[in-house]
Amino acid sequence: MIQILLADGSKVWLNAGSIFKYPKNFNGKVREVELIEGRAFFDIKHMTDHPFLVKTHNLNVTVPGTSFDVRSYQREGKTKVSVVTGKVGITLLNEPKKPAIMLLAKEEIVLNTTTKHIAKAQTKEAIVNLWCKDVLVFDREDLSNVFKAIEKKYNTKITVTDKDLLKERISITLGNQRPDTIMEILSFTKHFNYKMANDSTVVVK
């Protein structure tokens, strides 16, 4: 995870593997950035006369100042925008003339990038932004990506002999437990065996 301080004082947290484009300084009426790939949590400084615009590959998010989460991994086939505080407006790139979809705190939308169907629902702040507070939060994530995140956080190596296991999906929140405790939780949930070879190596069977 990387934290970025933007020129206007806004803060952005980027999840691993994210690609984020932003200017050194904001010039003009609109403060514009682009989340090309990945997930980011935004805490935006309020400027009524200078709205903040986040562009993704299929929708735009416009706010005067608020905190919200954008998840836009192309491999997942969906883009999710979740609001923690304030209000945001969502516009689709292929329907720019349509009125913006407005989201308030604890609301979210999920856009299916294939069908273009949009679903609006309630969300919880704790679920939205825990991941940027040094807590591992996974929402129907492949075990391969879960293991990669654990390897990075704990500077360890996880070797998996059953490659089909890597395709298994899981939704789970992991705090700052010890690596062996996390592996115990995952093995119980997904029914696999593992062995802690040493402090830096885990073998999953």
C-alpha atoms as a PDB file:
ATOM      1  CA  MET A   1       0.000   0.000   0.000  1.00  0.00           C
ATOM      2  CA  ILE A   2       1.197   3.509  -0.878  1.00  0.00           C
ATOM      3  CA  GLN A   3      -0.074   6.824   0.496  1.00  0.00           C
ATOM      4  CA  ILE A   4       0.144   9.893  -1.758  1.00  0.00           C
ATOM      5  CA  LEU A   5      -0.281  13.534  -0.718  1.00  0.00           C
ATOM      6  CA  LEU A   6      -1.639  15.551  -3.648  1.00  0.00           C
ATOM      7  CA  ALA A   7      -0.828  19.197  -4.351  1.00  0.00           C
ATOM      8  CA  ASP A   8      -4.172  20.400  -2.932  1.00  0.00           C
ATOM      9  CA  GLY A   9      -3.652  18.588   0.375  1.00  0.00           C
ATOM     10  CA  SER A  10      -5.876  15.633  -0.532  1.00  0.00           C
ATOM     11  CA  LYS A  11      -4.713  12.130   0.402  1.00  0.00           C
ATOM     12  CA  VAL A  12      -4.859   8.959  -1.679  1.00  0.00           C
ATOM     13  CA  TRP A  13      -4.121   5.395  -0.568  1.00  0.00           C
ATOM     14  CA  LEU A  14      -3.259   2.959  -3.373  1.00  0.00           C
ATOM     15  CA  ASN A  15      -3.619  -0.795  -3.113  1.00  0.00           C
ATOM     16  CA  ALA A  16      -0.905  -3.113  -4.435  1.00  0.00           C
ATOM     17  CA  GLY A  17      -0.808  -3.359  -8.224  1.00  0.00           C
ATOM     18  CA  SER A  18      -2.680  -0.100  -8.789  1.00  0.00           C
ATOM     19  CA  ILE A  19      -1.804   2.373 -11.547  1.00  0.00           C
ATOM     20  CA  PHE A  20      -2.617   5.988 -10.667  1.00  0.00           C
ATOM     21  CA  LYS A  21      -1.964   9.128 -12.721  1.00  0.00           C
ATOM     22  CA  TYR A  22      -1.977  12.591 -11.137  1.00  0.00           C
ATOM     23  CA  PRO A  23      -0.446  16.019 -11.879  1.00  0.00           C
ATOM     24  CA  LYS A  24       2.331  17.654  -9.908  1.00  0.00           C
ATOM     25  CA  ASN A  25       0.084  20.702  -9.549  1.00  0.00           C
ATOM     26  CA  PHE A  26      -3.612  21.255 -10.220  1.00  0.00           C
ATOM     27  CA  ASN A  27      -4.268  23.942 -12.823  1.00  0.00           C
ATOM     28  CA  GLY A  28      -7.702  24.996 -13.991  1.00  0.00           C
ATOM     29  CA  LYS A  29     -11.180  24.650 -12.544  1.00  0.00           C
ATOM     30  CA  VAL A  30     -11.231  20.853 -12.165  1.00  0.00           C
ATOM     31  CA  ARG A  31      -8.739  18.818 -10.101  1.00  0.00           C
ATOM     32  CA  GLU A  32      -8.388  15.756 -12.329  1.00  0.00           C
ATOM     33  CA  VAL A  33      -6.679  12.406 -11.641  1.00  0.00           C
ATOM     34  CA  GLU A  34      -6.950   8.967 -13.229  1.00  0.00           C
ATOM     35  CA  LEU A  35      -7.158   5.497 -11.678  1.00  0.00           C
ATOM     36  CA  ILE A  36      -6.010   3.431 -14.653  1.00  0.00           C
ATOM     37  CA  GLU A  37      -6.092   0.109 -12.790  1.00  0.00           C
ATOM     38  CA  GLY A  38      -6.571  -1.077  -9.232  1.00  0.00           C
ATOM     39  CA  ARG A  39      -8.056   0.267  -6.039  1.00  0.00           C
ATOM     40  CA  ALA A  40      -7.719   3.618  -4.281  1.00  0.00           C
ATOM     41  CA  PHE A  41      -9.195   5.306  -1.226  1.00  0.00           C
ATOM     42  CA  PHE A  42      -9.570   9.088  -1.532  1.00  0.00           C
ATOM     43  CA  ASP A  43      -9.777  11.676   1.258  1.00  0.00           C
ATOM     44  CA  ILE A  44     -10.370  14.852  -0.744  1.00  0.00           C
ATOM     45  CA  LYS A  45      -9.945  18.421   0.498  1.00  0.00           C
ATOM     46  CA  HIS A  46     -13.183  20.353   0.003  1.00  0.00           C
ATOM     47  CA  MET A  47     -13.078  23.037  -2.702  1.00  0.00           C
ATOM     48  CA  THR A  48     -16.549  24.017  -3.937  1.00  0.00           C
ATOM     49  CA  ASP A  49     -15.236  25.997  -6.923  1.00  0.00           C
ATOM     50  CA  HIS A  50     -12.716  23.316  -7.897  1.00  0.00           C
ATOM     51  CA  PRO A  51     -14.404  19.892  -8.026  1.00  0.00           C
ATOM     52  CA  PHE A  52     -12.243  16.774  -7.834  1.00  0.00           C
ATOM     53  CA  LEU A  53     -12.575  14.325 -10.737  1.00  0.00           C
ATOM     54  CA  VAL A  54     -11.442  10.681 -10.707  1.00  0.00           C
ATOM     55  CA  LYS A  55     -11.446   9.053 -14.135  1.00  0.00           C
ATOM     56  CA  THR A  56     -11.523   5.260 -14.601  1.00  0.00           C
ATOM     57  CA  HIS A  57     -11.747   3.198 -17.789  1.00  0.00           C
ATOM     58  CA  ASN A  58     -15.556   3.201 -17.714  1.00  0.00           C
ATOM     59  CA  LEU A  59     -16.852   5.916 -15.367  1.00  0.00           C
ATOM     60  CA  ASN A  60     -16.014   9.271 -13.800  1.00  0.00           C
ATOM     61  CA  VAL A  61     -16.410  10.231 -10.139  1.00  0.00           C
ATOM     62  CA  THR A  62     -16.876  13.948  -9.353  1.00  0.00           C
ATOM     63  CA  VAL A  63     -16.828  15.459  -5.849  1.00  0.00           C
ATOM     64  CA  PRO A  64     -16.253  18.871  -4.245  1.00  0.00           C
ATOM     65  CA  GLY A  65     -14.571  17.140  -1.294  1.00  0.00           C
ATOM     66  CA  THR A  66     -15.316  13.861   0.464  1.00  0.00           C
ATOM     67  CA  SER A  67     -13.894  10.414   1.214  1.00  0.00           C
ATOM     68  CA  PHE A  68     -14.638   7.443  -0.987  1.00  0.00           C
ATOM     69  CA  ASP A  69     -13.243   4.186  -2.384  1.00  0.00           C
ATOM     70  CA  VAL A  70     -12.873   3.242  -6.059  1.00  0.00           C
ATOM     71  CA  ARG A  71     -12.199  -0.357  -7.065  1.00  0.00           C
ATOM     72  CA  SER A  72     -11.563  -0.819 -10.787  1.00  0.00           C
ATOM     73  CA  TYR A  73      -9.681  -3.988 -11.710  1.00  0.00           C
ATOM     74  CA  GLN A  74     -10.371  -4.848 -15.356  1.00  0.00           C
ATOM     75  CA  ARG A  75      -9.905  -8.588 -14.672  1.00  0.00           C
ATOM     76  CA  GLU A  76     -12.885  -8.479 -12.263  1.00  0.00           C
ATOM     77  CA  GLY A  77     -15.262  -7.137 -14.920  1.00  0.00           C
ATOM     78  CA  LYS A  78     -16.736  -4.520 -12.616  1.00  0.00           C
ATOM     79  CA  THR A  79     -16.096  -1.101 -11.130  1.00  0.00           C
ATOM     80  CA  LYS A  80     -17.247  -0.251  -7.602  1.00  0.00           C
ATOM     81  CA  VAL A  81     -17.507   3.199  -6.018  1.00  0.00           C
ATOM     82  CA  SER A  82     -18.257   3.365  -2.268  1.00  0.00           C
ATOM     83  CA  VAL A  83     -18.790   6.603  -0.331  1.00  0.00           C
ATOM     84  CA  VAL A  84     -17.660   7.022   3.275  1.00  0.00           C
ATOM     85  CA  THR A  85     -18.404  10.732   3.833  1.00  0.00           C
ATOM     86  CA  GLY A  86     -19.981  13.495   1.756  1.00  0.00           C
ATOM     87  CA  LYS A  87     -21.588  13.104  -1.669  1.00  0.00           C
ATOM     88  CA  VAL A  88     -20.283  12.068  -5.097  1.00  0.00           C
ATOM     89  CA  GLY A  89     -21.629  12.105  -8.639  1.00  0.00           C
ATOM     90  CA  ILE A  90     -21.070   9.196 -11.046  1.00  0.00           C
ATOM     91  CA  THR A  91     -21.197   9.538 -14.835  1.00  0.00           C
ATOM     92  CA  LEU A  92     -20.637   6.782 -17.397  1.00  0.00           C
ATOM     93  CA  LEU A  93     -18.106   7.376 -20.151  1.00  0.00           C
ATOM     94  CA  ASN A  94     -20.411   5.901 -22.803  1.00  0.00           C
ATOM     95  CA  GLU A  95     -23.400   7.972 -21.607  1.00  0.00           C
ATOM     96  CA  PRO A  96     -21.959  11.443 -20.866  1.00  0.00           C
ATOM     97  CA  LYS A  97     -25.263  13.273 -21.374  1.00  0.00           C
ATOM     98  CA  LYS A  98     -27.144  11.271 -18.757  1.00  0.00           C
ATOM     99  CA  PRO A  99     -27.620  12.965 -15.360  1.00  0.00           C
ATOM    100  CA  ALA A 100     -25.050  11.959 -12.762  1.00  0.00           C
ATOM    101  CA  ILE A 101     -25.917   9.172 -10.319  1.00  0.00           C
ATOM    102  CA  MET A 102     -25.617  10.708  -6.852  1.00  0.00           C
ATOM    103  CA  LEU A 103     -24.252   8.700  -3.930  1.00  0.00           C
ATOM    104  CA  LEU A 104     -24.377   9.710  -0.269  1.00  0.00           C
ATOM    105  CA  ALA A 105     -22.372   8.385   2.689  1.00  0.00           C
ATOM    106  CA  LYS A 106     -22.580   4.601   3.122  1.00  0.00           C
ATOM    107  CA  GLU A 107     -23.895   4.126  -0.418  1.00  0.00           C
ATOM    108  CA  GLU A 108     -22.174   2.408  -3.326  1.00  0.00           C
ATOM    109  CA  ILE A 109     -22.685   1.451  -6.945  1.00  0.00           C
ATOM    110  CA  VAL A 110     -21.320  -1.542  -8.849  1.00  0.00           C
ATOM    111  CA  LEU A 111     -21.025  -1.282 -12.628  1.00  0.00           C
ATOM    112  CA  ASN A 112     -20.843  -4.537 -14.594  1.00  0.00           C
ATOM    113  CA  THR A 113     -18.423  -3.655 -17.379  1.00  0.00           C
ATOM    114  CA  THR A 114     -19.871  -6.309 -19.711  1.00  0.00           C
ATOM    115  CA  THR A 115     -23.618  -5.742 -19.373  1.00  0.00           C
ATOM    116  CA  LYS A 116     -23.305  -2.077 -18.301  1.00  0.00           C
ATOM    117  CA  HIS A 117     -25.812  -2.848 -15.545  1.00  0.00           C
ATOM    118  CA  ILE A 118     -25.540  -0.608 -12.470  1.00  0.00           C
ATOM    119  CA  ALA A 119     -26.571  -1.771  -9.005  1.00  0.00           C
ATOM    120  CA  LYS A 120     -26.889   0.701  -6.111  1.00  0.00           C
ATOM    121  CA  ALA A 121     -26.724  -0.505  -2.507  1.00  0.00           C
ATOM    122  CA  GLN A 122     -25.856   0.360   1.081  1.00  0.00           C
ATOM    123  CA  THR A 123     -22.337  -0.208   2.347  1.00  0.00           C
ATOM    124  CA  LYS A 124     -20.423   0.018   5.616  1.00  0.00           C
ATOM    125  CA  GLU A 125     -17.492   2.345   6.233  1.00  0.00           C
ATOM    126  CA  ALA A 126     -15.588  -0.338   8.132  1.00  0.00           C
ATOM    127  CA  ILE A 127     -15.636  -2.623   5.110  1.00  0.00           C
ATOM    128  CA  VAL A 128     -14.793   0.132   2.621  1.00  0.00           C
ATOM    129  CA  ASN A 129     -11.606   1.594   4.018  1.00  0.00           C
ATOM    130  CA  LEU A 130     -10.126  -0.996   6.370  1.00  0.00           C
ATOM    131  CA  TRP A 131      -7.740  -2.131   3.645  1.00  0.00           C
ATOM    132  CA  CYS A 132      -5.876   1.205   3.701  1.00  0.00           C
ATOM    133  CA  LYS A 133      -5.391   0.988   7.488  1.00  0.00           C
ATOM    134  CA  ASP A 134      -2.887  -1.879   7.357  1.00  0.00           C
ATOM    135  CA  VAL A 135      -5.682  -4.454   7.468  1.00  0.00           C
ATOM    136  CA  LEU A 136      -6.020  -7.040   4.702  1.00  0.00           C
ATOM    137  CA  VAL A 137      -9.563  -6.941   3.257  1.00  0.00           C
ATOM    138  CA  PHE A 138     -10.560  -9.345   0.480  1.00  0.00           C
ATOM    139  CA  ASP A 139     -13.900  -9.384  -1.376  1.00  0.00           C
ATOM    140  CA  ARG A 140     -14.279 -12.565  -3.473  1.00  0.00           C
ATOM    141  CA  GLU A 141     -10.551 -12.483  -4.157  1.00  0.00           C
ATOM    142  CA  ASP A 142      -8.564 -15.348  -5.707  1.00  0.00           C
ATOM    143  CA  LEU A 143      -6.433 -17.170  -3.138  1.00  0.00           C
ATOM    144  CA  SER A 144      -3.441 -16.506  -5.388  1.00  0.00           C
ATOM    145  CA  ASN A 145      -3.844 -12.760  -4.746  1.00  0.00           C
ATOM    146  CA  VAL A 146      -4.492 -13.347  -1.040  1.00  0.00           C
ATOM    147  CA  PHE A 147      -1.239 -15.302  -0.746  1.00  0.00           C
ATOM    148  CA  LYS A 148       0.639 -12.582  -2.652  1.00  0.00           C
ATOM    149  CA  ALA A 149      -0.648  -9.940  -0.230  1.00  0.00           C
ATOM    150  CA  ILE A 150       0.407 -12.050   2.766  1.00  0.00           C
ATOM    151  CA  GLU A 151       3.850 -12.644   1.239  1.00  0.00           C
ATOM    152  CA  LYS A 152       4.342  -8.917   0.761  1.00  0.00           C
ATOM    153  CA  LYS A 153       3.083  -7.869   4.191  1.00  0.00           C
ATOM    154  CA  TYR A 154       5.034 -10.483   6.167  1.00  0.00           C
ATOM    155  CA  ASN A 155       8.072 -10.828   3.892  1.00  0.00           C
ATOM    156  CA  THR A 156       7.491 -14.541   3.534  1.00  0.00           C
ATOM    157  CA  LYS A 157       7.257 -17.100   0.725  1.00  0.00           C
ATOM    158  CA  ILE A 158       4.179 -19.266   0.199  1.00  0.00           C
ATOM    159  CA  THR A 159       4.625 -22.326  -2.035  1.00  0.00           C
ATOM    160  CA  VAL A 160       1.427 -23.987  -3.291  1.00  0.00           C
ATOM    161  CA  THR A 161       1.537 -27.533  -4.726  1.00  0.00           C
ATOM    162  CA  ASP A 162      -2.171 -27.687  -5.685  1.00  0.00           C
ATOM    163  CA  LYS A 163      -2.458 -25.006  -8.390  1.00  0.00           C
ATOM    164  CA  ASP A 164      -6.265 -25.358  -8.565  1.00  0.00           C
ATOM    165  CA  LEU A 165      -6.402 -24.010  -5.030  1.00  0.00           C
ATOM    166  CA  LEU A 166      -5.074 -20.668  -6.279  1.00  0.00           C
ATOM    167  CA  LYS A 167      -8.298 -20.111  -8.245  1.00  0.00           C
ATOM    168  CA  GLU A 168     -10.500 -20.486  -5.162  1.00  0.00           C
ATOM    169  CA  ARG A 169     -12.223 -17.240  -4.155  1.00  0.00           C
ATOM    170  CA  ILE A 170     -12.580 -15.940  -0.614  1.00  0.00           C
ATOM    171  CA  SER A 171     -14.091 -12.952   1.210  1.00  0.00           C
ATOM    172  CA  ILE A 172     -12.294 -12.283   4.483  1.00  0.00           C
ATOM    173  CA  THR A 173     -10.832  -9.509   6.659  1.00  0.00           C
ATOM    174  CA  LEU A 174      -7.466 -10.178   8.289  1.00  0.00           C
ATOM    175  CA  GLY A 175      -6.041  -7.917  10.961  1.00  0.00           C
ATOM    176  CA  ASN A 176      -2.507  -7.828  12.286  1.00  0.00           C
ATOM    177  CA  GLN A 177      -2.426 -11.467  13.354  1.00  0.00           C
ATOM    178  CA  ARG A 178       0.726 -13.570  13.200  1.00  0.00           C
ATOM    179  CA  PRO A 179       1.332 -15.335   9.852  1.00  0.00           C
ATOM    180  CA  ASP A 180       0.710 -18.770  11.372  1.00  0.00           C
ATOM    181  CA  THR A 181      -2.649 -17.571  12.754  1.00  0.00           C
ATOM    182  CA  ILE A 182      -3.655 -16.219   9.342  1.00  0.00           C
ATOM    183  CA  MET A 183      -2.712 -19.488   7.648  1.00  0.00           C
ATOM    184  CA  GLU A 184      -4.737 -21.397  10.242  1.00  0.00           C
ATOM    185  CA  ILE A 185      -7.799 -19.240   9.457  1.00  0.00           C
ATOM    186  CA  LEU A 186      -7.393 -19.627   5.698  1.00  0.00           C
ATOM    187  CA  SER A 187      -6.767 -23.387   5.849  1.00  0.00           C
ATOM    188  CA  PHE A 188      -9.890 -23.910   7.971  1.00  0.00           C
ATOM    189  CA  THR A 189     -12.004 -21.738   5.643  1.00  0.00           C
ATOM    190  CA  LYS A 190     -10.800 -23.228   2.339  1.00  0.00           C
ATOM    191  CA  HIS A 191      -9.988 -26.765   3.549  1.00  0.00           C
ATOM    192  CA  PHE A 192      -6.305 -27.105   2.719  1.00  0.00           C
ATOM    193  CA  ASN A 193      -3.244 -28.310   4.630  1.00  0.00           C
ATOM    194  CA  TYR A 194      -0.114 -26.274   5.185  1.00  0.00           C
ATOM    195  CA  LYS A 195       3.222 -26.451   6.946  1.00  0.00           C
ATOM    196  CA  MET A 196       5.293 -23.600   8.377  1.00  0.00           C
ATOM    197  CA  ALA A 197       8.691 -24.725   7.034  1.00  0.00           C
ATOM    198  CA  ASN A 198      10.442 -21.875   8.854  1.00  0.00           C
ATOM    199  CA  ASP A 199       9.877 -18.210   9.733  1.00  0.00           C
ATOM    200  CA  SER A 200       9.937 -17.154   6.074  1.00  0.00           C
ATOM    201  CA  THR A 201       8.498 -20.141   4.180  1.00  0.00           C
ATOM    202  CA  VAL A 202       5.018 -21.704   4.111  1.00  0.00           C
ATOM    203  CA  VAL A 203       4.164 -24.817   2.081  1.00  0.00           C
ATOM    204  CA  VAL A 204       0.489 -25.275   1.129  1.00  0.00           C
ATOM    205  CA  LYS A 205      -0.740 -28.712   0.003  1.00  0.00           C
END
